[in-house]
Protein backbone atom coordinates (compact mmCIF):
# COMPACT_ATOMS: atom_id res chain seq x y z
CA MET A 1 -15.47 48.99 -7.58
CA VAL A 2 -12.39 46.81 -7.90
CA ALA A 3 -10.67 46.20 -11.23
CA ASP A 4 -11.60 43.25 -13.43
CA ARG A 5 -10.12 39.97 -12.33
CA GLN A 6 -8.37 37.86 -14.90
CA VAL A 7 -9.54 34.26 -14.80
CA GLU A 8 -8.46 31.15 -16.56
CA THR A 9 -11.01 29.12 -18.48
CA MET A 10 -11.23 25.54 -17.44
CA LEU A 11 -12.63 22.18 -18.27
CA LEU A 12 -15.57 21.24 -16.14
CA VAL A 13 -16.14 17.72 -14.93
CA VAL A 14 -19.14 18.37 -12.79
CA PHE A 15 -21.62 16.18 -11.10
CA VAL A 16 -25.06 17.71 -10.95
CA ALA A 17 -28.13 16.07 -9.41
CA SER A 18 -31.72 16.07 -10.66
CA MET A 19 -33.98 16.19 -7.63
CA PRO A 20 -37.79 16.40 -7.19
CA ILE A 21 -39.02 19.72 -5.87
CA ALA A 22 -42.69 19.40 -4.98
CA ALA A 23 -42.20 19.15 -1.22
CA SER A 24 -39.74 22.01 -1.10
CA LEU A 25 -42.12 24.42 -2.80
CA LYS A 26 -44.35 24.42 0.25
CA THR A 27 -41.66 26.03 2.37
CA GLN A 28 -40.60 29.64 2.64
CA THR A 29 -37.43 29.15 0.68
CA PHE A 30 -36.24 26.91 -2.10
CA THR A 31 -33.17 25.55 -0.39
CA ASN A 32 -29.73 24.37 -1.35
CA THR A 33 -29.38 22.29 1.80
CA SER A 34 -25.67 21.96 2.31
CA GLN A 35 -24.34 20.42 5.49
CA ALA A 36 -21.35 21.67 7.38
CA ALA A 37 -18.81 18.99 8.12
CA GLY A 38 -19.97 16.92 11.07
CA SER A 39 -22.97 19.13 11.85
CA GLY A 40 -25.65 17.14 10.04
CA ALA A 41 -27.62 20.39 9.80
CA PRO A 42 -29.14 21.61 6.53
CA CYS A 43 -28.56 25.11 5.25
CA THR A 44 -31.89 26.96 5.30
CA LEU A 45 -33.15 30.48 5.79
CA ALA A 46 -33.98 29.82 9.43
CA ASP A 47 -31.16 27.41 10.29
CA THR A 48 -27.77 28.58 9.02
CA SER A 49 -25.69 26.21 11.16
CA GLY A 50 -25.00 24.06 8.11
CA CYS A 51 -24.38 26.94 5.69
CA GLN A 52 -21.15 27.80 3.94
CA ASP A 53 -20.22 31.09 2.32
CA LYS A 54 -21.76 31.49 -1.14
CA ASP A 55 -24.53 28.90 -0.62
CA VAL A 56 -27.72 29.85 -2.49
CA ILE A 57 -31.47 29.62 -1.86
CA LEU A 58 -34.63 31.12 -3.38
CA TYR A 59 -36.61 33.34 -1.03
CA ASN A 60 -40.43 33.07 -1.10
CA PRO A 61 -40.50 30.95 -4.28
CA VAL A 62 -43.62 30.89 -6.43
CA THR A 63 -44.72 27.95 -8.56
CA ASN A 64 -46.08 29.14 -11.89
CA GLY A 65 -48.79 27.46 -13.95
CA ASP A 66 -46.23 25.85 -16.25
CA GLY A 67 -44.43 24.27 -13.29
CA SER A 68 -41.54 26.71 -13.29
CA VAL A 69 -40.27 28.12 -10.01
CA GLN A 70 -39.24 31.72 -9.43
CA GLY A 71 -37.91 33.65 -6.48
CA LEU A 72 -35.48 36.20 -5.10
CA VAL A 73 -31.90 34.88 -5.06
CA LEU A 74 -30.24 34.91 -1.63
CA THR A 75 -26.63 33.90 -1.02
CA PHE A 76 -24.91 33.26 2.29
CA TRP A 77 -21.95 35.45 3.24
CA SER A 78 -20.23 36.19 6.55
CA GLY A 79 -22.97 34.58 8.61
CA GLN A 80 -25.96 36.20 6.93
CA TRP A 81 -28.19 35.81 3.89
CA GLY A 82 -28.18 38.62 1.33
CA THR A 83 -29.20 39.52 -2.22
CA VAL A 84 -27.39 39.75 -5.57
CA CYS A 85 -27.19 43.06 -7.46
CA ASP A 86 -28.16 43.00 -11.13
CA ASP A 87 -24.97 44.84 -12.11
CA VAL A 88 -23.71 41.27 -12.68
CA THR A 89 -26.61 40.41 -15.02
CA ASP A 90 -27.24 43.55 -17.10
CA CYS A 91 -24.59 42.97 -19.78
CA ASP A 92 -25.53 41.24 -23.00
CA ALA A 93 -22.15 39.55 -23.02
CA PRO A 94 -20.44 36.27 -22.12
CA GLY A 95 -18.94 35.70 -18.67
CA GLY A 96 -16.53 38.50 -17.77
CA GLY A 97 -17.84 40.69 -20.60
CA THR A 98 -18.44 44.38 -19.89
CA SER A 99 -20.18 45.54 -23.09
CA PRO A 100 -22.90 46.16 -24.08
CA CYS A 101 -24.41 46.84 -20.65
CA SER A 102 -27.35 48.87 -19.40
CA ASN A 103 -29.29 49.26 -16.17
CA GLY A 104 -32.36 48.71 -18.32
CA TYR A 105 -31.25 45.31 -19.60
CA VAL A 106 -33.14 42.39 -18.03
CA ASN A 107 -32.76 38.70 -18.93
CA VAL A 108 -30.04 39.32 -21.48
CA ALA A 109 -27.06 36.96 -21.78
CA GLY A 110 -25.51 37.93 -18.45
CA GLY A 111 -28.77 37.38 -16.60
CA GLN A 112 -29.54 34.08 -18.28
CA GLN A 113 -26.04 32.82 -17.51
CA LEU A 114 -26.30 33.61 -13.80
CA ALA A 115 -29.83 32.20 -13.65
CA ALA A 116 -28.63 28.94 -15.20
CA VAL A 117 -25.97 28.59 -12.52
CA VAL A 118 -28.42 29.22 -9.66
CA CYS A 119 -30.95 26.77 -11.10
CA ARG A 120 -28.26 24.14 -11.62
CA GLU A 121 -26.98 24.55 -8.05
CA LEU A 122 -30.49 24.02 -6.70
CA GLY A 123 -30.91 20.80 -8.71
CA LEU A 124 -33.35 22.39 -11.17
CA ASP A 125 -33.27 22.46 -14.96
CA ALA A 126 -30.76 25.10 -16.06
CA SER A 127 -31.95 25.12 -19.68
CA GLY A 128 -34.15 28.11 -20.39
CA ALA A 129 -33.34 29.73 -17.02
CA GLN A 130 -34.38 33.39 -16.84
CA GLU A 131 -33.45 36.41 -14.73
CA TYR A 132 -35.75 39.21 -13.59
CA ASN A 133 -35.72 42.20 -11.24
CA ALA A 134 -36.99 41.13 -7.81
CA ASP A 135 -36.93 44.01 -5.33
CA GLY A 136 -35.76 42.38 -2.11
CA SER A 137 -36.12 45.38 0.18
CA SER A 138 -39.10 43.82 1.96
CA SER A 139 -37.06 40.70 2.77
CA GLY A 140 -34.95 42.70 5.20
CA TYR A 141 -31.70 41.17 3.93
CA PRO A 142 -28.69 43.25 2.84
CA ILE A 143 -27.09 43.25 -0.59
CA HIS A 144 -24.12 40.88 -0.65
CA VAL A 145 -22.98 40.57 -4.27
CA ASP A 146 -21.88 42.99 -6.96
CA GLY A 147 -19.42 42.60 -9.83
CA THR A 148 -15.67 42.84 -10.15
CA SER A 149 -16.34 45.87 -12.34
CA ASN A 150 -19.28 48.27 -12.37
CA HIS A 151 -21.22 46.31 -15.01
CA ILE A 152 -20.12 42.80 -15.94
CA SER A 153 -21.53 39.38 -16.77
CA GLY A 154 -20.78 37.69 -13.46
CA CYS A 155 -21.06 34.06 -14.61
CA ALA A 156 -20.21 32.15 -17.75
CA GLY A 157 -23.34 30.05 -17.28
CA THR A 158 -21.47 26.73 -17.20
CA GLU A 159 -20.45 26.82 -13.54
CA ALA A 160 -21.75 24.20 -11.11
CA ALA A 161 -22.52 26.76 -8.39
CA LEU A 162 -22.58 30.51 -7.82
CA ALA A 163 -19.38 30.13 -5.79
CA ASP A 164 -17.59 29.16 -9.02
CA CYS A 165 -18.50 32.37 -10.90
CA ALA A 166 -15.28 34.31 -11.34
CA TRP A 167 -16.62 37.84 -11.78
CA LEU A 168 -18.69 38.20 -8.60
CA LEU A 169 -17.59 40.41 -5.71
CA TYR A 170 -18.89 39.53 -2.23
CA GLY A 171 -19.25 42.00 0.63
CA SER A 172 -19.18 45.26 -1.36
CA HIS A 173 -21.65 46.94 -3.72
CA ASN A 174 -23.02 50.23 -5.05
CA CYS A 175 -26.58 49.02 -5.67
CA GLY A 176 -30.10 49.52 -4.39
CA HIS A 177 -32.64 46.80 -3.64
CA GLU A 178 -34.58 47.68 -6.78
CA GLU A 179 -31.69 45.97 -8.58
CA ASP A 180 -31.97 42.65 -6.73
CA VAL A 181 -31.83 39.53 -8.91
CA GLY A 182 -34.57 36.93 -9.15
CA VAL A 183 -34.49 33.80 -11.29
CA ILE A 184 -37.00 31.50 -12.97
CA CYS A 185 -36.14 27.79 -13.19
CA GLN A 186 -37.85 24.81 -14.75
CA PRO A 187 -38.28 21.75 -12.52
CA ALA A 188 -35.82 18.93 -13.09
CA GLY A 189 -37.38 16.58 -15.60
CA PRO A 190 -37.09 12.79 -15.79
CA THR A 191 -33.81 11.50 -17.11
CA SER A 192 -33.66 9.75 -20.42
CA SER A 193 -32.83 6.12 -21.06
CA PRO A 194 -29.16 5.30 -21.52
CA THR A 195 -27.84 5.25 -25.05
CA PRO A 196 -27.13 1.59 -25.91
CA SER A 197 -24.03 2.50 -27.84
CA PRO A 198 -22.23 5.84 -28.13
CA THR A 199 -23.05 8.06 -31.07
CA PRO A 200 -20.11 10.19 -32.19
CA ALA A 201 -20.77 13.88 -32.01
CA PRO A 202 -19.87 16.06 -34.99
CA THR A 203 -16.22 17.04 -35.01
CA VAL A 204 -15.76 20.56 -33.71
CA ALA A 205 -12.78 22.75 -33.10
CA PRO A 206 -11.32 22.11 -29.64
CA THR A 207 -12.16 24.66 -26.97
CA ASN A 208 -10.66 25.58 -23.63
CA SER A 209 -13.71 24.65 -21.62
CA ALA A 210 -16.66 22.29 -21.46
CA SER A 211 -19.85 22.84 -19.55
CA ALA A 212 -22.51 20.96 -17.61
CA THR A 213 -26.08 21.60 -18.69
CA GLY A 214 -27.82 19.63 -15.98
CA ASP A 215 -28.39 16.59 -18.19
CA PRO A 216 -27.19 13.37 -16.52
CA HIS A 217 -24.55 12.57 -19.13
CA LEU A 218 -20.86 11.96 -19.32
CA THR A 219 -19.07 13.49 -22.28
CA ASN A 220 -15.71 12.09 -23.34
CA VAL A 221 -12.88 13.77 -25.22
CA HIS A 222 -14.61 13.04 -28.55
CA GLY A 223 -17.84 14.72 -27.49
CA GLN A 224 -19.72 11.42 -27.17
CA LYS A 225 -22.45 11.64 -24.54
CA PHE A 226 -23.63 8.70 -22.47
CA ASP A 227 -25.30 7.82 -19.17
CA LEU A 228 -23.32 5.94 -16.55
CA MET A 229 -25.80 3.40 -15.16
CA LYS A 230 -23.69 0.95 -13.17
CA PRO A 231 -22.66 1.64 -9.58
CA GLY A 232 -19.13 0.90 -8.51
CA LYS A 233 -15.64 2.15 -9.28
CA HIS A 234 -15.06 3.67 -12.70
CA VAL A 235 -11.77 4.86 -14.21
CA LEU A 236 -12.41 8.32 -15.60
CA ILE A 237 -8.85 9.06 -16.75
CA ASN A 238 -5.89 6.75 -17.29
CA ILE A 239 -2.61 8.09 -18.73
CA PRO A 240 -1.19 6.42 -20.76
CA ARG A 241 -4.21 4.51 -22.01
CA GLY A 242 -4.11 0.79 -21.27
CA GLU A 243 -1.45 0.92 -18.60
CA PRO A 244 -2.25 -0.90 -15.34
CA ALA A 245 -2.69 1.19 -12.22
CA GLU A 246 0.83 0.48 -10.95
CA ASN A 247 2.38 1.81 -14.19
CA ALA A 248 0.08 4.76 -14.84
CA PHE A 249 1.35 8.33 -14.84
CA LEU A 250 -2.11 9.60 -13.87
CA ARG A 251 -5.20 7.61 -12.93
CA VAL A 252 -8.47 9.19 -11.77
CA GLN A 253 -10.96 6.69 -10.40
CA ALA A 254 -14.38 7.55 -8.98
CA LEU A 255 -16.84 5.54 -6.92
CA ALA A 256 -20.48 5.91 -8.02
CA GLN A 257 -23.16 4.91 -5.54
CA ARG A 258 -26.92 4.98 -5.61
CA LEU A 259 -28.47 7.02 -2.83
CA GLY A 260 -32.00 6.12 -1.81
CA ASP A 261 -33.73 3.08 -3.29
CA LYS A 262 -31.92 0.39 -5.25
CA CYS A 263 -32.62 2.14 -8.54
CA GLY A 264 -32.18 5.68 -7.24
CA GLU A 265 -29.87 8.36 -8.54
CA MET A 266 -26.12 7.74 -8.48
CA TYR A 267 -23.51 10.15 -7.19
CA PHE A 268 -19.74 10.09 -7.03
CA GLN A 269 -18.81 9.58 -3.39
CA GLU A 270 -15.07 9.01 -3.73
CA VAL A 271 -12.40 10.28 -6.11
CA ASN A 272 -8.89 8.81 -6.08
CA VAL A 273 -6.03 10.41 -8.00
CA THR A 274 -2.99 8.16 -8.25
CA GLY A 275 -0.04 7.40 -10.52
CA SER A 276 3.55 8.58 -10.69
CA TRP A 277 2.57 12.18 -11.49
CA ALA A 278 0.30 12.25 -8.42
CA GLU A 279 3.03 10.64 -6.27
CA ALA A 280 5.47 13.33 -7.37
CA THR A 281 3.10 15.96 -6.03
CA GLN A 282 1.97 14.24 -2.85
CA ALA A 283 3.06 10.92 -1.37
CA GLY A 284 0.28 8.38 -1.84
CA GLY A 285 -1.63 10.57 -4.30
CA TYR A 286 -4.91 12.33 -3.56
CA HIS A 287 -7.97 10.67 -2.03
CA TYR A 288 -11.35 12.34 -1.59
CA SER A 289 -14.25 10.72 0.29
CA ILE A 290 -17.62 12.26 1.12
CA SER A 291 -17.70 10.30 4.39
CA GLN A 292 -14.39 11.81 5.53
CA SER A 293 -14.02 15.06 3.63
CA ALA A 294 -14.74 18.43 5.19
CA ALA A 295 -15.55 21.27 2.83
CA LYS A 296 -12.34 23.05 1.89
CA THR A 297 -11.37 25.78 -0.50
CA PRO A 298 -10.49 23.86 -3.68
CA GLU A 299 -7.19 24.46 -5.44
CA TRP A 300 -5.77 23.45 -8.80
CA VAL A 301 -3.18 20.69 -8.63
CA ALA A 302 -0.79 20.07 -11.55
CA PHE A 303 0.02 16.51 -12.63
CA GLY A 304 2.57 16.88 -15.40
CA GLU A 305 0.87 19.17 -17.90
CA VAL A 306 -2.61 18.15 -16.74
CA GLU A 307 -4.35 20.10 -13.96
CA LEU A 308 -7.18 18.87 -11.76
CA LYS A 309 -9.40 20.29 -9.02
CA VAL A 310 -11.93 18.41 -6.86
CA VAL A 311 -14.83 20.41 -5.40
CA GLN A 312 -17.56 19.19 -3.06
CA GLY A 313 -21.12 19.73 -4.25
CA ARG A 314 -24.50 19.32 -2.54
CA THR A 315 -28.02 18.64 -3.73
CA HIS A 316 -30.89 20.66 -2.30
CA ALA A 317 -31.80 17.54 -0.29
CA GLY A 318 -28.46 17.71 1.50
CA MET A 319 -26.68 14.85 -0.26
CA LYS A 320 -23.01 15.51 -0.95
CA TYR A 321 -21.07 14.56 -4.05
CA PHE A 322 -17.93 15.64 -5.87
CA ASN A 323 -17.27 17.97 -8.78
CA VAL A 324 -14.01 17.45 -10.64
CA TYR A 325 -12.42 20.04 -12.89
CA VAL A 326 -9.72 18.93 -15.36
CA LYS A 327 -7.88 20.88 -18.00
CA ARG A 328 -5.03 20.48 -20.52
CA LEU A 329 -5.55 16.79 -21.22
CA GLY A 330 -4.32 17.45 -24.74
CA ARG A 331 -0.91 18.37 -23.31
CA ALA A 332 -0.45 15.06 -21.52
CA GLY A 333 1.79 13.76 -24.30
CA PHE A 334 0.07 10.36 -24.29
CA VAL A 335 -3.23 8.85 -25.38
CA VAL A 336 -5.79 9.34 -22.60
CA GLY A 337 -7.73 6.27 -21.45
CA GLY A 338 -10.69 5.93 -19.12
CA LEU A 339 -14.38 6.64 -19.64
CA LEU A 340 -13.61 10.29 -20.35
CA GLY A 341 -10.80 9.32 -22.71
CA GLU A 342 -10.56 6.74 -25.47
CA ASP A 343 -11.92 3.70 -23.63
CA ASP A 344 -15.19 2.01 -24.60
CA HIS A 345 -18.07 2.83 -22.29
CA THR A 346 -20.80 0.58 -23.67
CA ASP A 347 -20.89 -1.76 -20.66
CA ALA A 348 -21.02 1.11 -18.17
CA THR A 349 -24.17 2.47 -19.82
CA GLN A 350 -26.24 -0.68 -19.27
CA ALA A 351 -28.72 -0.42 -16.40
CA PRO A 352 -29.06 -3.45 -14.11
CA ALA A 353 -31.90 -5.81 -15.08
CA SER A 354 -33.57 -5.17 -11.72
CA CYS A 355 -34.00 -1.52 -12.70
CA HIS A 356 -36.01 -2.32 -15.84
CA ARG A 357 -39.76 -2.61 -16.11
CA GLN A 358 -41.64 -4.82 -18.56
CA VAL A 359 -45.00 -4.05 -20.13
CA THR A 360 -47.20 -6.32 -22.25
CA LEU A 361 -49.06 -3.99 -24.57
CA ASP A 362 -52.18 -6.11 -24.99
CA GLY A 363 -52.23 -7.12 -21.30
CA ASN A 364 -52.19 -10.83 -22.15
CA ALA A 365 -48.92 -12.35 -20.99
CA ASP A 366 -49.94 -15.79 -22.35
CA ASP A 367 -50.55 -14.55 -25.88
CA GLN A 368 -47.50 -15.26 -28.02
CA ASP A 369 -48.48 -12.40 -30.31
CA SER A 370 -48.33 -9.88 -27.47
CA LEU A 371 -45.52 -7.35 -27.60
CA SER A 372 -43.33 -6.67 -24.57
CA ILE A 373 -40.92 -3.80 -24.15
CA THR A 374 -38.52 -2.88 -21.38
CA TRP A 375 -37.03 0.40 -20.28
CA PRO A 376 -35.05 1.63 -17.31
CA SER A 377 -36.99 2.63 -14.24
CA ALA A 378 -37.67 6.36 -14.14
CA SER A 379 -35.69 6.52 -10.93
CA SER A 380 -32.74 4.64 -12.43
CA SER A 381 -30.52 7.47 -13.50
CA PHE A 382 -27.02 8.77 -13.21
CA ALA A 383 -27.39 12.05 -11.38
CA SER A 384 -23.86 13.28 -12.06
CA PHE A 385 -22.34 15.01 -15.06
CA ALA A 386 -18.79 14.65 -16.31
CA SER A 387 -17.16 16.04 -19.43
CA ALA A 388 -13.65 16.12 -20.84
CA SER A 389 -11.68 17.88 -23.55
CA LEU A 390 -8.24 17.49 -25.03
CA GLU A 391 -7.67 21.22 -24.58
C-alpha cells in the first residue's frame, strides 16, 4: 500500500440537492446520473457513456420498511464499475485516522463517514447514514478502491462526493469481496420553511473546515443558518464589505435558478469570481456556467490570502450545479461582505408569494373568525448548501 497522503483541511461551500427517490428504487441501481459534457447521457450501470471517474451508484438497492435504502456501493473507474474495500471504513477514527482499526469493525466512525458522503452524493439524507459488509462477489465487478494506508478512515464525512475523499486509493487494493462496502441511507425528507430572521448560533472556537449535512441551508461566517428562497444573482462574498463591484478586491456572485416547476428546487448555475485579486490571477476573473462548463479537475486558486475552488456537482436526476470551496477568509485583512459574510440576508430568505399556500382551518372563508395560515410550498426549497468560516 502507498504511504499516507497529507491533505489540507478546507472550508466547504457545497451545494447539495434533495431529490425524490421513489421512481429510482424500481431500477437495478440507485444512480448518481451524471452527464458527460455534451453527451446528454446519464451515468448508469448499463449506460456508462455519461460517467466520469469516481461517480457512485448503489447496486441492487433494497427499500426497507422504514423507508431507508441500502445497497452495495459501486464507483466508476477507468471505464468500469467496481466496489469499495472496507479497509477505508474499519477505523473508529476521523478522516485520515489510522487507529483504532480492526477488520472486525463495522459501522464505526470511518464507515459512517464514508456512508454519509455516498448518501449525500446520491441526493439522500446523510444524517444517520450507516455502513455494512456487502459481499459483492456475485455482482461480477472488480474491487476498485482501497485506502492510502492499509487501514484508514477514507472520508471525513463532510465531503460532497466520494471523489473528494482524500484518503481513498483507486485502482489498487489488497482486499477480498467479503470486505465490500454497502451503505444504508434515509430518503431525502421535505425541506423546512425559511427562517424569517437569522438566529445567531452560539459562539464557538473557529475551525479550519465547515461541512454540508444535506440540509438546504446557507451558513455564514457567524454560524447563522438560513434558506435562500429567491432566484437570481446573489453576492456570496464581497471583500471589502460594502465596496461596489468595480472597487472590490474579491467578489463571488452566484446565479440561483429553479429547475422544474415555478416553485421547484433552486440550484446555483453560474459562479462569477471578479475583483482586483481575481484580475491579478487571470484577466477578466473566473466565470463558471453549467451551460458552458465541461467537467474538469478542480484546482485551488489563490486570491490574496483567500483560496477558492469551484467543483461541478450532479443530482441523481442528472441536473448539474456547482460546489464552491473557500478557505482562509479570516486572512483577507478586511471585513467580508456578502450573504456568507456580514451582510443581512433577511430579504433573500423570503419565498415568493406565489410559492405559498393558504388554508382556512374551519373551511369557511367568509367567516371572519376563521383562522388562515400560510407556509411555503413543499416544493419551494433551496436545494443547495453553502457555508463559510473566517478560518
